[in-house]
């Protein structure tokens, strides 16, 4: 199973992101979507699992603050802000979060922590990134995708 993992789109789905979504079997979005049209656009590509970010206001009240799901034998916990991850991650294999716009891929205490960074408007002089992941037999392999900055 192939996953596209993104966060902090802030109302922008770049052509490079859309191209990657064409190969995804599912999409995980760590929040700060900013517009319902982005949710609808993402749903056209693959099943979408999303959480609400701090910039997702009234329109996003029906989106979950956090969620736990299992895909292909891998259990994910998703929340926008890493500070809101519960201390007890029993049974969780992967934590997906966003908010900082900074790419993170690290293992702590047997749990893989993933922040795909921001694939939307460039902020805080961070690179523009997302992740693609392959799930197989309860295991996950993650690939960092760096989107080149537009030429001025």
Protein backbone atom coordinates (compact mmCIF):
# COMPACT_ATOMS: atom_id res chain seq x y z
CA UNK A 1 0.00 0.00 0.00
CA UNK A 2 1.36 3.40 -0.97
CA UNK A 3 0.65 6.44 1.25
CA UNK A 4 1.00 10.14 0.63
CA UNK A 5 1.63 11.91 3.94
CA UNK A 6 1.29 15.68 4.00
CA UNK A 7 0.53 18.55 6.30
CA UNK A 8 0.21 22.31 6.40
CA UNK A 9 -1.12 22.79 2.88
CA UNK A 10 -2.53 26.16 3.97
CA UNK A 11 -4.87 26.31 0.99
CA UNK A 12 -2.28 25.34 -1.66
CA UNK A 13 -1.84 22.02 -3.43
CA UNK A 14 1.20 22.40 -5.66
CA UNK A 15 1.36 20.54 -9.01
CA UNK A 16 4.26 18.45 -7.68
CA UNK A 17 2.09 17.32 -4.75
CA UNK A 18 -0.84 16.49 -7.01
CA UNK A 19 1.45 14.41 -9.21
CA UNK A 20 2.51 12.30 -6.20
CA UNK A 21 -1.10 11.87 -5.08
CA UNK A 22 -1.87 10.05 -8.35
CA UNK A 23 0.15 7.05 -7.10
CA UNK A 24 -1.28 6.97 -3.55
CA UNK A 25 -3.63 4.30 -2.22
CA UNK A 26 -4.42 6.54 0.78
CA UNK A 27 -3.61 10.07 1.95
CA UNK A 28 -2.82 11.17 5.50
CA UNK A 29 -3.03 14.93 6.16
CA UNK A 30 -1.77 16.38 9.45
CA UNK A 31 -3.94 19.51 9.45
CA UNK A 32 -3.85 23.19 8.52
CA UNK A 33 -5.74 22.58 5.33
CA UNK A 34 -7.42 26.01 5.43
CA UNK A 35 -10.23 25.43 2.91
CA UNK A 36 -12.88 22.74 2.41
CA UNK A 37 -12.09 22.76 -1.33
CA UNK A 38 -8.67 21.28 -0.50
CA UNK A 39 -10.31 18.39 1.37
CA UNK A 40 -12.58 17.72 -1.61
CA UNK A 41 -9.66 17.88 -4.02
CA UNK A 42 -7.62 15.41 -1.93
CA UNK A 43 -10.58 13.00 -1.76
CA UNK A 44 -10.56 12.77 -5.57
CA UNK A 45 -7.22 10.94 -5.44
CA UNK A 46 -7.55 8.34 -2.67
CA UNK A 47 -9.21 7.66 0.70
CA UNK A 48 -8.33 10.60 2.95
CA UNK A 49 -7.52 10.53 6.67
CA UNK A 50 -7.23 14.03 8.06
CA UNK A 51 -7.06 15.90 11.36
CA UNK A 52 -7.94 19.50 12.11
CA UNK A 53 -5.11 22.02 12.45
CA UNK A 54 -4.96 25.24 14.45
CA UNK A 55 -5.73 27.25 11.29
CA UNK A 56 -8.73 25.09 10.34
CA UNK A 57 -11.62 27.06 11.81
CA UNK A 58 -15.44 26.89 11.67
CA UNK A 59 -15.64 25.01 8.37
CA UNK A 60 -13.50 22.20 9.86
CA UNK A 61 -15.39 21.60 13.12
CA UNK A 62 -16.49 18.16 11.85
CA UNK A 63 -12.87 17.09 11.27
CA UNK A 64 -11.35 15.15 14.16
CA UNK A 65 -8.78 16.79 16.42
CA UNK A 66 -6.89 13.50 16.50
CA UNK A 67 -7.43 9.99 15.24
CA UNK A 68 -6.05 6.49 15.39
CA UNK A 69 -6.26 4.21 12.38
CA UNK A 70 -4.74 1.01 11.06
CA UNK A 71 -3.63 0.61 7.46
CA UNK A 72 -2.07 -2.60 6.18
CA UNK A 73 -1.15 -3.74 9.72
CA UNK A 74 0.41 -0.40 10.76
CA UNK A 75 -1.33 1.65 13.50
CA UNK A 76 -1.14 5.42 13.10
CA UNK A 77 -1.95 8.15 15.62
CA UNK A 78 -2.55 11.53 13.96
CA UNK A 79 -2.74 15.00 15.53
CA UNK A 80 -1.69 18.42 14.26
CA UNK A 81 0.45 19.61 17.16
CA UNK A 82 3.12 17.26 18.53
CA UNK A 83 2.55 18.73 22.01
CA UNK A 84 -0.91 17.10 21.99
CA UNK A 85 0.31 13.53 21.48
CA UNK A 86 -0.72 11.44 24.50
CA UNK A 87 2.00 10.01 26.73
CA UNK A 88 0.63 6.48 26.33
CA UNK A 89 1.20 5.30 22.78
CA UNK A 90 0.55 1.63 23.50
CA UNK A 91 -0.27 -0.15 20.25
CA UNK A 92 0.80 2.80 18.05
CA UNK A 93 3.47 2.22 15.41
CA UNK A 94 3.58 5.68 13.80
CA UNK A 95 2.71 9.21 14.98
CA UNK A 96 1.88 11.68 12.19
CA UNK A 97 1.82 15.37 13.06
CA UNK A 98 2.43 18.78 11.49
CA UNK A 99 2.30 22.37 12.72
CA UNK A 100 6.03 23.24 12.76
CA UNK A 101 6.49 23.10 8.95
CA UNK A 102 9.73 21.21 9.70
CA UNK A 103 10.36 17.73 8.33
CA UNK A 104 10.87 15.08 11.04
CA UNK A 105 11.45 11.35 10.67
CA UNK A 106 12.71 9.77 13.88
CA UNK A 107 12.14 6.69 15.97
CA UNK A 108 11.59 7.04 19.72
CA UNK A 109 10.84 4.12 22.03
CA UNK A 110 9.82 1.91 19.12
CA UNK A 111 7.42 4.49 17.62
CA UNK A 112 8.14 6.23 14.31
CA UNK A 113 7.43 10.00 14.53
CA UNK A 114 6.67 11.67 11.20
CA UNK A 115 6.15 15.31 10.35
CA UNK A 116 5.99 15.64 6.57
CA UNK A 117 6.75 19.37 6.85
CA UNK A 118 4.73 21.85 4.83
CA UNK A 119 3.71 21.24 1.22
CA UNK A 120 1.87 24.57 0.98
CA UNK A 121 3.14 28.16 0.92
CA UNK A 122 6.74 28.42 2.03
CA UNK A 123 7.05 29.83 5.55
CA UNK A 124 9.79 30.31 8.09
CA UNK A 125 12.47 29.71 5.40
CA UNK A 126 11.72 25.99 5.59
CA UNK A 127 11.98 23.70 2.59
CA UNK A 128 8.74 22.50 0.97
CA UNK A 129 8.27 18.81 1.75
CA UNK A 130 5.90 15.87 1.98
CA UNK A 131 6.34 12.10 2.37
CA UNK A 132 5.54 9.03 0.39
CA UNK A 133 5.47 5.75 2.30
CA UNK A 134 5.16 2.10 1.40
CA UNK A 135 3.30 -0.21 3.79
CA UNK A 136 3.94 -3.93 3.55
CA UNK A 137 3.36 -6.76 6.03
CA UNK A 138 2.91 -4.40 9.00
CA UNK A 139 6.07 -2.42 8.16
CA UNK A 140 6.53 1.10 6.81
CA UNK A 141 9.24 2.56 4.59
CA UNK A 142 9.21 6.37 4.30
CA UNK A 143 10.61 8.54 1.50
CA UNK A 144 11.15 12.27 1.92
CA UNK A 145 9.90 14.32 -1.02
CA UNK A 146 11.43 17.78 -1.38
CA UNK A 147 9.58 20.10 -3.74
CA UNK A 148 11.85 22.56 -5.52
CA UNK A 149 11.29 26.22 -4.84
CA UNK A 150 9.73 28.08 -7.75
CA UNK A 151 12.19 30.07 -9.82
CA UNK A 152 11.50 33.80 -9.27
